[in-house]
Amino acid sequence: MIDLILKQPIQEENTIFYFDPPYHQKADTLYMNHYEDKDHKEICNKIKSIKTVKWIVSYDNVEMIKKLYSECPFKEFSFKHTAYESRDGQEILFMSKNLIQPNIIDWNPLNFKIRKNKSGKKIIYKKKMQPAV
């Protein structure tokens, strides 16, 4: 897949590739076929070699993965997993250096929404209200 991307001329300025490799932590219990450390390193090197288009990679937030992408801009966030059992998930997004990040303090990627209207689609940021204490 990445080899195909590397060979394609990208004409669209607004193109962003999103990669969602298998989780690193507990991978052997989550997937029938999972990546070994060497696979995570290989995919990381290939993704980081993409210079002609913007990209985002999502992963579970673990030290080994953070070290692989250490020179990339990143955003850590958490959310509720509801598959199998309810628990807090800790994830991290890594981004190409040519991707402009939101100018929002402490932004959470889960709060971006697409609003459709007659004139088209618009991406908006909906900050969730914190419950009163």
N, C-alpha and C. Protein backbone atom coordinates (compact mmCIF):
# COMPACT_ATOMS: atom_id res chain seq x y z
N MET A 1 0.83 -1.19 0.00
CA MET A 1 0.00 0.00 0.00
C MET A 1 0.87 1.25 0.00
N ILE A 2 1.83 1.32 0.89
CA ILE A 2 2.67 2.52 0.96
C ILE A 2 3.53 2.64 -0.29
N ASP A 3 4.01 1.52 -0.84
CA ASP A 3 4.78 1.59 -2.07
C ASP A 3 3.95 2.21 -3.19
N LEU A 4 2.68 1.88 -3.25
CA LEU A 4 1.79 2.47 -4.25
C LEU A 4 1.68 3.98 -4.04
N ILE A 5 1.52 4.40 -2.81
CA ILE A 5 1.41 5.83 -2.49
C ILE A 5 2.69 6.56 -2.88
N LEU A 6 3.83 5.98 -2.58
CA LEU A 6 5.10 6.62 -2.89
C LEU A 6 5.31 6.82 -4.39
N LYS A 7 4.68 6.00 -5.21
CA LYS A 7 4.86 6.08 -6.66
C LYS A 7 3.81 6.95 -7.34
N GLN A 8 2.78 7.37 -6.62
CA GLN A 8 1.71 8.15 -7.23
C GLN A 8 2.00 9.65 -7.17
N PRO A 9 1.88 10.35 -8.30
CA PRO A 9 2.00 11.81 -8.23
C PRO A 9 0.71 12.38 -7.63
N ILE A 10 0.84 13.15 -6.58
CA ILE A 10 -0.33 13.72 -5.91
C ILE A 10 -0.52 15.14 -6.43
N GLN A 11 -1.67 15.40 -7.01
CA GLN A 11 -1.96 16.71 -7.57
C GLN A 11 -2.74 17.59 -6.62
N GLU A 12 -3.51 17.00 -5.73
CA GLU A 12 -4.43 17.74 -4.87
C GLU A 12 -3.72 18.24 -3.61
N GLU A 13 -3.71 19.54 -3.42
CA GLU A 13 -3.09 20.18 -2.26
C GLU A 13 -3.71 19.71 -0.94
N ASN A 14 -4.99 19.40 -0.96
CA ASN A 14 -5.71 19.05 0.27
C ASN A 14 -5.76 17.55 0.54
N THR A 15 -4.97 16.77 -0.15
CA THR A 15 -4.94 15.32 0.08
C THR A 15 -4.16 15.02 1.36
N ILE A 16 -4.75 14.16 2.19
CA ILE A 16 -4.08 13.68 3.41
C ILE A 16 -4.26 12.17 3.45
N PHE A 17 -3.16 11.46 3.63
CA PHE A 17 -3.24 10.01 3.81
C PHE A 17 -3.33 9.71 5.30
N TYR A 18 -4.26 8.82 5.65
CA TYR A 18 -4.43 8.40 7.03
C TYR A 18 -4.03 6.93 7.14
N PHE A 19 -3.09 6.66 8.03
CA PHE A 19 -2.63 5.29 8.27
C PHE A 19 -3.03 4.86 9.67
N ASP A 20 -3.54 3.65 9.77
CA ASP A 20 -3.99 3.11 11.04
C ASP A 20 -3.42 1.70 11.22
N PRO A 21 -2.10 1.62 11.48
CA PRO A 21 -1.49 0.30 11.66
C PRO A 21 -2.06 -0.42 12.89
N PRO A 22 -1.87 -1.72 12.96
CA PRO A 22 -2.34 -2.45 14.14
C PRO A 22 -1.68 -1.91 15.42
N TYR A 23 -2.41 -1.96 16.50
CA TYR A 23 -1.86 -1.55 17.79
C TYR A 23 -0.58 -2.33 18.10
N HIS A 24 0.26 -1.71 18.89
CA HIS A 24 1.49 -2.36 19.32
C HIS A 24 1.26 -3.17 20.60
N GLN A 25 0.71 -2.49 21.59
CA GLN A 25 0.49 -3.14 22.89
C GLN A 25 -0.64 -4.15 22.79
N LYS A 26 -0.44 -5.31 23.32
CA LYS A 26 -1.44 -6.39 23.34
C LYS A 26 -1.86 -6.84 21.94
N ALA A 27 -1.02 -6.59 20.94
CA ALA A 27 -1.37 -6.94 19.56
C ALA A 27 -1.67 -8.42 19.40
N ASP A 28 -0.93 -9.27 20.10
CA ASP A 28 -1.13 -10.71 19.95
C ASP A 28 -2.48 -11.17 20.49
N THR A 29 -3.10 -10.37 21.36
CA THR A 29 -4.43 -10.73 21.87
C THR A 29 -5.55 -10.05 21.07
N LEU A 30 -5.20 -9.05 20.25
CA LEU A 30 -6.21 -8.31 19.50
C LEU A 30 -6.39 -8.80 18.06
N TYR A 31 -5.33 -9.32 17.48
CA TYR A 31 -5.34 -9.67 16.06
C TYR A 31 -4.85 -11.09 15.83
N MET A 32 -5.44 -11.73 14.81
CA MET A 32 -4.94 -13.06 14.43
C MET A 32 -3.55 -12.94 13.82
N ASN A 33 -3.34 -11.92 13.00
CA ASN A 33 -2.04 -11.65 12.39
C ASN A 33 -1.63 -10.25 12.82
N HIS A 34 -0.61 -10.17 13.61
CA HIS A 34 -0.21 -8.87 14.14
C HIS A 34 1.22 -8.54 13.73
N TYR A 35 1.57 -7.26 13.85
CA TYR A 35 2.93 -6.81 13.54
C TYR A 35 3.88 -7.18 14.67
N GLU A 36 5.09 -7.51 14.27
CA GLU A 36 6.20 -7.63 15.20
C GLU A 36 6.87 -6.25 15.26
N ASP A 37 7.79 -6.06 16.20
CA ASP A 37 8.48 -4.77 16.31
C ASP A 37 9.12 -4.36 14.98
N LYS A 38 9.73 -5.31 14.28
CA LYS A 38 10.39 -5.00 13.02
C LYS A 38 9.38 -4.48 11.98
N ASP A 39 8.15 -4.97 12.02
CA ASP A 39 7.11 -4.51 11.09
C ASP A 39 6.71 -3.07 11.39
N HIS A 40 6.59 -2.74 12.69
CA HIS A 40 6.27 -1.37 13.07
C HIS A 40 7.39 -0.42 12.62
N LYS A 41 8.63 -0.85 12.76
CA LYS A 41 9.77 -0.02 12.33
C LYS A 41 9.75 0.18 10.82
N GLU A 42 9.47 -0.88 10.09
CA GLU A 42 9.45 -0.79 8.63
C GLU A 42 8.34 0.15 8.15
N ILE A 43 7.15 0.00 8.69
CA ILE A 43 6.04 0.86 8.27
C ILE A 43 6.32 2.31 8.66
N CYS A 44 6.91 2.52 9.81
CA CYS A 44 7.28 3.86 10.25
C CYS A 44 8.26 4.51 9.27
N ASN A 45 9.29 3.79 8.89
CA ASN A 45 10.29 4.33 7.96
C ASN A 45 9.67 4.66 6.60
N LYS A 46 8.77 3.81 6.14
CA LYS A 46 8.12 4.07 4.85
C LYS A 46 7.21 5.29 4.94
N ILE A 47 6.44 5.39 6.00
CA ILE A 47 5.54 6.54 6.15
C ILE A 47 6.36 7.83 6.24
N LYS A 48 7.39 7.83 7.04
CA LYS A 48 8.21 9.03 7.21
C LYS A 48 8.95 9.42 5.94
N SER A 49 9.10 8.49 5.01
CA SER A 49 9.77 8.81 3.74
C SER A 49 8.84 9.52 2.76
N ILE A 50 7.56 9.58 3.06
CA ILE A 50 6.60 10.26 2.18
C ILE A 50 6.78 11.77 2.35
N LYS A 51 7.22 12.43 1.32
CA LYS A 51 7.49 13.87 1.39
C LYS A 51 6.54 14.70 0.54
N THR A 52 5.85 14.08 -0.40
CA THR A 52 5.05 14.82 -1.37
C THR A 52 3.60 15.04 -0.96
N VAL A 53 3.17 14.41 0.12
CA VAL A 53 1.78 14.53 0.54
C VAL A 53 1.73 14.53 2.07
N LYS A 54 0.68 15.14 2.61
CA LYS A 54 0.49 15.18 4.06
C LYS A 54 -0.02 13.82 4.53
N TRP A 55 0.31 13.48 5.77
CA TRP A 55 -0.15 12.19 6.32
C TRP A 55 -0.37 12.28 7.82
N ILE A 56 -1.19 11.35 8.31
CA ILE A 56 -1.47 11.18 9.73
C ILE A 56 -1.42 9.68 10.03
N VAL A 57 -0.83 9.33 11.17
CA VAL A 57 -0.77 7.95 11.62
C VAL A 57 -1.37 7.90 13.02
N SER A 58 -2.26 6.95 13.26
CA SER A 58 -2.80 6.77 14.61
C SER A 58 -2.29 5.45 15.18
N TYR A 59 -2.02 5.50 16.49
CA TYR A 59 -1.48 4.34 17.19
C TYR A 59 -1.96 4.35 18.63
N ASP A 60 -1.77 3.22 19.30
CA ASP A 60 -1.90 3.20 20.75
C ASP A 60 -0.70 3.96 21.31
N ASN A 61 -0.91 4.65 22.39
CA ASN A 61 0.10 5.56 22.95
C ASN A 61 1.07 4.77 23.84
N VAL A 62 2.11 4.23 23.21
CA VAL A 62 3.11 3.45 23.94
C VAL A 62 4.51 3.96 23.59
N GLU A 63 5.45 3.74 24.51
CA GLU A 63 6.80 4.30 24.38
C GLU A 63 7.53 3.85 23.12
N MET A 64 7.43 2.59 22.76
CA MET A 64 8.15 2.10 21.60
C MET A 64 7.73 2.86 20.33
N ILE A 65 6.44 3.07 20.17
CA ILE A 65 5.93 3.78 18.99
C ILE A 65 6.32 5.26 19.05
N LYS A 66 6.25 5.86 20.25
CA LYS A 66 6.65 7.26 20.40
C LYS A 66 8.11 7.46 20.00
N LYS A 67 8.96 6.49 20.31
CA LYS A 67 10.38 6.58 19.93
C LYS A 67 10.54 6.50 18.41
N LEU A 68 9.77 5.62 17.77
CA LEU A 68 9.88 5.49 16.31
C LEU A 68 9.54 6.80 15.59
N TYR A 69 8.53 7.50 16.08
CA TYR A 69 8.04 8.72 15.42
C TYR A 69 8.48 9.98 16.18
N SER A 70 9.55 9.88 16.94
CA SER A 70 9.94 10.96 17.86
C SER A 70 10.16 12.31 17.21
N GLU A 71 10.55 12.35 15.96
CA GLU A 71 10.80 13.65 15.32
C GLU A 71 9.56 14.23 14.63
N CYS A 72 8.45 13.55 14.74
CA CYS A 72 7.21 14.00 14.10
C CYS A 72 6.33 14.78 15.07
N PRO A 73 5.59 15.77 14.57
CA PRO A 73 4.58 16.41 15.41
C PRO A 73 3.56 15.35 15.85
N PHE A 74 3.00 15.51 17.04
CA PHE A 74 2.06 14.51 17.54
C PHE A 74 0.99 15.15 18.41
N LYS A 75 -0.07 14.39 18.64
CA LYS A 75 -1.16 14.80 19.53
C LYS A 75 -1.63 13.57 20.29
N GLU A 76 -1.52 13.62 21.61
CA GLU A 76 -2.01 12.54 22.47
C GLU A 76 -3.46 12.84 22.84
N PHE A 77 -4.28 11.80 22.94
CA PHE A 77 -5.67 11.98 23.35
C PHE A 77 -6.22 10.68 23.90
N SER A 78 -7.33 10.78 24.58
CA SER A 78 -7.98 9.59 25.13
C SER A 78 -9.45 9.59 24.74
N PHE A 79 -10.05 8.44 24.80
CA PHE A 79 -11.47 8.28 24.48
C PHE A 79 -11.97 6.98 25.08
N LYS A 80 -13.26 6.81 25.09
CA LYS A 80 -13.89 5.61 25.65
C LYS A 80 -13.98 4.53 24.58
N HIS A 81 -13.37 3.36 24.87
CA HIS A 81 -13.56 2.17 24.05
C HIS A 81 -14.80 1.47 24.58
N THR A 82 -15.64 1.00 23.70
CA THR A 82 -16.83 0.29 24.17
C THR A 82 -16.91 -1.13 23.61
N ALA A 83 -15.94 -1.52 22.79
CA ALA A 83 -15.94 -2.89 22.28
C ALA A 83 -15.49 -3.83 23.40
N TYR A 84 -16.16 -4.91 23.55
CA TYR A 84 -15.91 -5.94 24.56
C TYR A 84 -16.19 -5.41 25.96
N GLU A 85 -15.45 -4.43 26.44
CA GLU A 85 -15.71 -3.83 27.75
C GLU A 85 -15.40 -2.34 27.67
N SER A 86 -16.06 -1.55 28.46
CA SER A 86 -15.83 -0.11 28.45
C SER A 86 -14.54 0.23 29.20
N ARG A 87 -13.67 0.99 28.52
CA ARG A 87 -12.42 1.41 29.15
C ARG A 87 -11.91 2.65 28.43
N ASP A 88 -10.97 3.35 29.08
CA ASP A 88 -10.35 4.52 28.46
C ASP A 88 -9.23 4.05 27.54
N GLY A 89 -9.25 4.56 26.31
CA GLY A 89 -8.18 4.27 25.36
C GLY A 89 -7.23 5.46 25.28
N GLN A 90 -5.96 5.17 25.26
CA GLN A 90 -4.92 6.20 25.13
C GLN A 90 -4.31 6.06 23.74
N GLU A 91 -4.52 7.07 22.91
CA GLU A 91 -4.00 7.02 21.55
C GLU A 91 -3.12 8.22 21.26
N ILE A 92 -2.45 8.14 20.13
CA ILE A 92 -1.58 9.22 19.71
C ILE A 92 -1.64 9.32 18.18
N LEU A 93 -1.67 10.55 17.70
CA LEU A 93 -1.60 10.82 16.27
C LEU A 93 -0.22 11.40 15.97
N PHE A 94 0.41 10.91 14.93
CA PHE A 94 1.65 11.50 14.43
C PHE A 94 1.33 12.11 13.08
N MET A 95 1.93 13.25 12.79
CA MET A 95 1.61 13.98 11.58
C MET A 95 2.86 14.35 10.81
N SER A 96 2.71 14.44 9.50
CA SER A 96 3.82 14.93 8.69
C SER A 96 4.08 16.39 9.07
N LYS A 97 5.31 16.80 8.86
CA LYS A 97 5.69 18.16 9.26
C LYS A 97 5.03 19.23 8.40
N ASN A 98 4.53 18.86 7.23
CA ASN A 98 3.87 19.82 6.35
C ASN A 98 2.36 19.93 6.60
N LEU A 99 1.87 19.27 7.63
CA LEU A 99 0.44 19.34 7.97
C LEU A 99 0.24 20.41 9.04
N ILE A 100 -0.60 21.38 8.76
CA ILE A 100 -0.86 22.46 9.71
C ILE A 100 -1.81 21.95 10.78
N GLN A 101 -1.42 22.13 12.04
CA GLN A 101 -2.25 21.70 13.16
C GLN A 101 -3.24 22.79 13.53
N PRO A 102 -4.34 22.42 14.16
CA PRO A 102 -5.35 23.41 14.56
C PRO A 102 -4.77 24.43 15.54
N ASN A 103 -5.23 25.65 15.42
CA ASN A 103 -4.84 26.72 16.33
C ASN A 103 -5.86 26.79 17.47
N ILE A 104 -5.97 25.68 18.19
CA ILE A 104 -6.93 25.53 19.29
C ILE A 104 -6.17 24.97 20.48
N ILE A 105 -6.29 25.59 21.62
CA ILE A 105 -5.60 25.12 22.82
C ILE A 105 -6.17 23.77 23.24
N ASP A 106 -5.28 22.82 23.48
CA ASP A 106 -5.64 21.49 23.98
C ASP A 106 -6.72 20.82 23.12
N TRP A 107 -6.56 20.87 21.80
CA TRP A 107 -7.55 20.29 20.90
C TRP A 107 -7.58 18.77 20.99
N ASN A 108 -8.74 18.23 20.70
CA ASN A 108 -8.95 16.79 20.70
C ASN A 108 -9.46 16.41 19.32
N PRO A 109 -8.81 15.48 18.63
CA PRO A 109 -9.24 15.12 17.28
C PRO A 109 -10.66 14.58 17.21
N LEU A 110 -11.18 14.09 18.31
CA LEU A 110 -12.54 13.54 18.31
C LEU A 110 -13.62 14.62 18.28
N ASN A 111 -13.23 15.86 18.50
CA ASN A 111 -14.21 16.95 18.54
C ASN A 111 -14.41 17.65 17.20
N PHE A 112 -13.73 17.20 16.16
CA PHE A 112 -13.96 17.77 14.83
C PHE A 112 -15.13 17.06 14.18
N LYS A 113 -16.03 17.82 13.61
CA LYS A 113 -17.23 17.28 12.98
C LYS A 113 -17.40 17.91 11.60
N ILE A 114 -18.09 17.21 10.73
CA ILE A 114 -18.44 17.77 9.43
C ILE A 114 -19.88 18.24 9.49
N ARG A 115 -20.08 19.49 9.18
CA ARG A 115 -21.44 20.06 9.14
C ARG A 115 -21.80 20.24 7.67
N LYS A 116 -22.92 19.65 7.29
CA LYS A 116 -23.40 19.76 5.91
C LYS A 116 -24.51 20.79 5.84
N ASN A 117 -24.47 21.58 4.79
CA ASN A 117 -25.57 22.49 4.51
C ASN A 117 -25.73 22.59 3.00
N LYS A 118 -26.60 23.46 2.55
CA LYS A 118 -26.90 23.54 1.12
C LYS A 118 -25.68 23.94 0.29
N SER A 119 -24.78 24.68 0.87
CA SER A 119 -23.60 25.15 0.11
C SER A 119 -22.43 24.17 0.17
N GLY A 120 -22.56 23.09 0.91
CA GLY A 120 -21.49 22.10 0.96
C GLY A 120 -21.21 21.60 2.36
N LYS A 121 -19.96 21.23 2.58
CA LYS A 121 -19.54 20.69 3.87
C LYS A 121 -18.51 21.61 4.49
N LYS A 122 -18.53 21.67 5.82
CA LYS A 122 -17.58 22.49 6.55
C LYS A 122 -17.14 21.71 7.78
N ILE A 123 -15.86 21.75 8.07
CA ILE A 123 -15.34 21.10 9.27
C ILE A 123 -15.43 22.10 10.42
N ILE A 124 -16.05 21.68 11.51
CA ILE A 124 -16.18 22.54 12.68
C ILE A 124 -15.58 21.82 13.89
N TYR A 125 -15.27 22.59 14.90
CA TYR A 125 -14.74 22.03 16.14
C TYR A 125 -15.79 22.23 17.22
N LYS A 126 -16.23 21.14 17.81
CA LYS A 126 -17.26 21.18 18.86
C LYS A 126 -16.62 20.72 20.16
N LYS A 127 -16.28 21.68 20.99
CA LYS A 127 -15.70 21.36 22.31
C LYS A 127 -16.81 20.79 23.17
N LYS A 128 -16.57 19.63 23.75
CA LYS A 128 -17.57 19.02 24.62
C LYS A 128 -17.57 19.75 25.96
N MET A 129 -18.73 19.95 26.47
CA MET A 129 -18.87 20.61 27.76
C MET A 129 -18.49 19.65 28.88
N GLN A 130 -17.71 20.15 29.82
CA GLN A 130 -17.34 19.36 31.00
C GLN A 130 -18.49 19.42 32.02
N PRO A 131 -18.83 18.30 32.65
CA PRO A 131 -19.89 18.33 33.66
C PRO A 131 -19.50 19.21 34.84
N ALA A 132 -20.48 19.91 35.39
CA ALA A 132 -20.24 20.76 36.57
C ALA A 132 -19.90 19.89 37.77
N VAL A 133 -19.00 20.37 38.58
CA VAL A 133 -18.57 19.62 39.77
C VAL A 133 -19.31 20.10 40.98
